[in-house]
Protein backbone atom coordinates (compact mmCIF):
# COMPACT_ATOMS: atom_id res chain seq x y z
CA MET A 1 -25.15 -30.31 34.70
CA ALA A 2 -25.40 -33.23 32.31
CA ARG A 3 -28.07 -33.13 29.62
CA GLY A 4 -28.35 -36.86 29.03
CA LYS A 5 -27.26 -40.19 30.45
CA GLY A 6 -24.39 -40.72 28.05
CA ILE A 7 -20.97 -41.11 29.63
CA ASN A 8 -20.15 -37.54 28.60
CA GLY A 9 -23.65 -36.12 29.09
CA GLU A 10 -24.90 -37.01 25.62
CA THR A 11 -28.57 -37.58 24.96
CA CYS A 12 -29.72 -40.91 23.56
CA GLU A 13 -30.46 -39.21 20.23
CA GLU A 14 -26.92 -37.85 20.04
CA LEU A 15 -25.46 -41.28 20.76
CA ILE A 16 -27.63 -42.87 18.07
CA GLU A 17 -26.52 -40.32 15.49
CA ASP A 18 -22.85 -40.76 16.48
CA ALA A 19 -23.17 -44.56 16.30
CA ILE A 20 -24.66 -44.39 12.79
CA LYS A 21 -21.82 -42.14 11.64
CA GLN A 22 -19.28 -44.52 13.13
CA LEU A 23 -20.86 -47.77 11.93
CA GLY A 24 -21.96 -46.58 8.52
CA SER A 25 -25.09 -47.59 6.74
CA PRO A 26 -26.66 -50.05 6.60
CA CYS A 27 -26.09 -51.51 10.02
CA GLY A 28 -28.13 -54.00 11.98
CA ALA A 29 -30.43 -52.84 14.75
CA GLY A 30 -28.64 -55.06 17.27
CA THR A 31 -25.26 -53.64 16.29
CA LEU A 32 -26.58 -50.10 16.52
CA PHE A 33 -28.13 -50.84 19.92
CA GLN A 34 -24.87 -52.32 21.26
CA GLU A 35 -22.85 -49.32 20.10
CA VAL A 36 -25.20 -46.90 21.86
CA LYS A 37 -25.34 -49.11 24.97
CA ARG A 38 -21.54 -48.92 25.36
CA LYS A 39 -21.86 -45.20 26.09
CA TRP A 40 -25.32 -45.06 27.72
CA ARG A 41 -25.99 -45.14 31.45
CA GLY A 42 -29.75 -45.40 31.16
CA SER A 43 -32.05 -48.33 30.53
CA ASP A 44 -31.92 -50.59 27.50
CA ASP A 45 -35.61 -49.87 26.95
CA THR A 46 -34.85 -46.18 26.49
CA ILE A 47 -32.42 -46.97 23.69
CA TRP A 48 -34.94 -49.22 21.92
CA GLN A 49 -37.72 -46.63 22.34
CA HIS A 50 -35.52 -43.94 20.81
CA LEU A 51 -34.51 -46.21 17.93
CA MET A 52 -38.10 -47.18 17.14
CA SER A 53 -39.32 -43.59 17.35
CA ARG A 54 -36.89 -42.61 14.57
CA VAL A 55 -37.92 -45.30 12.05
CA VAL A 56 -39.50 -43.80 8.92
CA ASN A 57 -41.32 -46.94 7.78
CA LEU A 58 -42.72 -48.14 11.11
CA PRO A 59 -46.34 -46.89 11.08
CA PRO A 60 -47.02 -47.52 14.80
CA ALA A 61 -44.15 -45.16 15.60
CA TYR A 62 -46.14 -42.26 14.17
CA PHE A 63 -48.97 -42.94 16.61
CA HIS A 64 -46.90 -43.83 19.66
CA TRP A 65 -44.38 -40.99 19.32
CA GLN A 66 -46.50 -38.22 17.85
CA ASN A 67 -44.17 -35.52 19.17
CA ILE A 68 -41.33 -36.68 16.88
CA LYS A 69 -41.15 -34.46 13.81
CA ASP A 70 -40.89 -36.11 10.40
CA LYS A 71 -37.52 -34.45 9.82
CA ASP A 72 -36.22 -36.26 12.94
CA ARG A 73 -37.15 -39.70 11.59
CA PHE A 74 -34.07 -40.92 9.79
CA LEU A 75 -33.89 -44.70 10.24
CA LEU A 76 -35.24 -47.13 7.69
CA LEU A 77 -36.16 -50.67 8.66
CA ARG A 78 -35.21 -53.09 5.90
CA GLU A 79 -36.67 -56.55 5.38
CA ASP A 80 -33.35 -58.11 6.38
CA GLY A 81 -33.47 -56.29 9.75
CA ARG A 82 -30.75 -53.80 8.88
């Protein structure tokens, strides 16, 4: 039974981590989204929600996704959008 909606059963979180490893850092949010979308069979909104929930310097994320542990927040939003 598949765990997630990735083409090989990956979760959205796993696909995000794989995309970051593949693309390197920094990478634009749109580029990161497109890379995950290539392998994701769920909604676009789910990808964006997962991306936003992992941003360290996005204060609303701490209120909206309170169940995300600090150690699981690993994205940094830069002024240039990367």
